[in-house]
C-alpha atoms as a PDB file:
ATOM      1  CA  MET A   1     128.629  22.371 -49.022  1.00  0.00           C
ATOM      2  CA  LYS A   2     128.171  20.860 -52.483  1.00  0.00           C
ATOM      3  CA  ILE A   3     131.129  19.749 -54.573  1.00  0.00           C
ATOM      4  CA  GLY A   4     131.109  19.453 -58.354  1.00  0.00           C
ATOM      5  CA  LEU A   5     133.857  17.335 -59.844  1.00  0.00           C
ATOM      6  CA  VAL A   6     134.759  16.947 -63.505  1.00  0.00           C
ATOM      7  CA  SER A   7     137.118  14.116 -64.371  1.00  0.00           C
ATOM      8  CA  LEU A   8     139.008  14.415 -67.649  1.00  0.00           C
ATOM      9  CA  GLY A   9     141.501  12.085 -69.212  1.00  0.00           C
ATOM     10  CA  CYS A  10     142.262   8.445 -68.617  1.00  0.00           C
ATOM     11  CA  SER A  11     140.530   5.826 -66.500  1.00  0.00           C
ATOM     12  CA  LYS A  12     143.090   6.418 -63.705  1.00  0.00           C
ATOM     13  CA  ASN A  13     141.778   9.966 -63.396  1.00  0.00           C
ATOM     14  CA  LEU A  14     138.252   8.610 -63.103  1.00  0.00           C
ATOM     15  CA  VAL A  15     139.309   6.252 -60.300  1.00  0.00           C
ATOM     16  CA  ASP A  16     141.133   9.095 -58.537  1.00  0.00           C
ATOM     17  CA  SER A  17     138.051  11.305 -58.889  1.00  0.00           C
ATOM     18  CA  GLU A  18     135.814   8.629 -57.366  1.00  0.00           C
ATOM     19  CA  LEU A  19     138.246   8.254 -54.457  1.00  0.00           C
ATOM     20  CA  MET A  20     138.253  12.035 -53.924  1.00  0.00           C
ATOM     21  CA  LEU A  21     134.459  12.175 -53.923  1.00  0.00           C
ATOM     22  CA  GLY A  22     134.305   9.284 -51.467  1.00  0.00           C
ATOM     23  CA  LEU A  23     136.658  11.042 -49.061  1.00  0.00           C
ATOM     24  CA  LEU A  24     134.768  14.308 -49.404  1.00  0.00           C
ATOM     25  CA  ARG A  25     131.451  12.562 -48.674  1.00  0.00           C
ATOM     26  CA  GLU A  26     132.998  10.942 -45.577  1.00  0.00           C
ATOM     27  CA  HIS A  27     133.747  14.455 -44.342  1.00  0.00           C
ATOM     28  CA  GLY A  28     130.200  15.671 -44.827  1.00  0.00           C
ATOM     29  CA  TYR A  29     130.335  17.185 -48.302  1.00  0.00           C
ATOM     30  CA  GLU A  30     127.631  16.517 -50.871  1.00  0.00           C
ATOM     31  CA  SER A  31     128.366  15.959 -54.527  1.00  0.00           C
ATOM     32  CA  SER A  32     126.426  17.516 -57.366  1.00  0.00           C
ATOM     33  CA  ASP A  33     126.317  16.615 -61.037  1.00  0.00           C
ATOM     34  CA  ASP A  34     124.974  20.096 -61.749  1.00  0.00           C
ATOM     35  CA  PRO A  35     127.828  22.647 -61.671  1.00  0.00           C
ATOM     36  CA  SER A  36     125.370  25.501 -61.087  1.00  0.00           C
ATOM     37  CA  GLU A  37     124.504  23.970 -57.681  1.00  0.00           C
ATOM     38  CA  ALA A  38     128.090  23.363 -56.533  1.00  0.00           C
ATOM     39  CA  THR A  39     129.811  25.652 -54.070  1.00  0.00           C
ATOM     40  CA  VAL A  40     133.209  24.225 -55.037  1.00  0.00           C
ATOM     41  CA  LEU A  41     134.164  22.968 -58.494  1.00  0.00           C
ATOM     42  CA  ILE A  42     137.110  20.595 -58.960  1.00  0.00           C
ATOM     43  CA  VAL A  43     138.645  19.595 -62.281  1.00  0.00           C
ATOM     44  CA  ASN A  44     140.784  16.467 -62.197  1.00  0.00           C
ATOM     45  CA  SER A  45     142.824  16.385 -65.363  1.00  0.00           C
ATOM     46  CA  CYS A  46     146.182  15.564 -66.866  1.00  0.00           C
ATOM     47  CA  GLY A  47     148.443  17.526 -69.145  1.00  0.00           C
ATOM     48  CA  PHE A  48     150.560  14.912 -70.830  1.00  0.00           C
ATOM     49  CA  ILE A  49     149.372  15.626 -74.347  1.00  0.00           C
ATOM     50  CA  GLU A  50     148.377  18.864 -76.026  1.00  0.00           C
ATOM     51  CA  SER A  51     144.748  17.855 -76.598  1.00  0.00           C
ATOM     52  CA  ALA A  52     144.387  17.091 -72.865  1.00  0.00           C
ATOM     53  CA  LYS A  53     145.771  20.520 -71.993  1.00  0.00           C
ATOM     54  CA  THR A  54     143.341  22.176 -74.392  1.00  0.00           C
ATOM     55  CA  GLU A  55     140.391  20.222 -73.004  1.00  0.00           C
ATOM     56  CA  SER A  56     141.416  21.142 -69.455  1.00  0.00           C
ATOM     57  CA  ILE A  57     141.701  24.844 -70.218  1.00  0.00           C
ATOM     58  CA  GLU A  58     138.365  24.902 -72.033  1.00  0.00           C
ATOM     59  CA  THR A  59     136.682  23.097 -69.137  1.00  0.00           C
ATOM     60  CA  LEU A  60     138.193  25.446 -66.545  1.00  0.00           C
ATOM     61  CA  LEU A  61     137.067  28.494 -68.491  1.00  0.00           C
ATOM     62  CA  ARG A  62     133.544  27.082 -68.915  1.00  0.00           C
ATOM     63  CA  LEU A  63     133.250  26.222 -65.217  1.00  0.00           C
ATOM     64  CA  ALA A  64     134.652  29.607 -64.165  1.00  0.00           C
ATOM     65  CA  GLU A  65     131.427  31.164 -65.458  1.00  0.00           C
ATOM     66  CA  TYR A  66     129.582  29.485 -62.556  1.00  0.00           C
ATOM     67  CA  LYS A  67     131.362  31.876 -60.193  1.00  0.00           C
ATOM     68  CA  HIS A  68     129.157  34.567 -61.749  1.00  0.00           C
ATOM     69  CA  THR A  69     126.006  32.652 -62.607  1.00  0.00           C
ATOM     70  CA  GLY A  70     125.851  29.776 -60.096  1.00  0.00           C
ATOM     71  CA  SER A  71     126.594  28.948 -56.484  1.00  0.00           C
ATOM     72  CA  CYS A  72     130.336  28.411 -56.988  1.00  0.00           C
ATOM     73  CA  ARG A  73     132.606  30.365 -54.679  1.00  0.00           C
ATOM     74  CA  HIS A  74     135.878  28.442 -55.014  1.00  0.00           C
END
């Protein structure tokens, strides 16, 4: 199964995203930089400020399209 992960926000989120991907790879998952190839899409974000919330919502809506046009199922 291929995992696509988008990390938004601060550098802590990026570190957390890298840790998540490392754990997923240890359990046999592949990562993909191309969301159209991913079976599962994960968005790691924060919501402390309004602009971060807006960016998160826009990203989720954009990635949701891959449930119809890509391999994403979750």
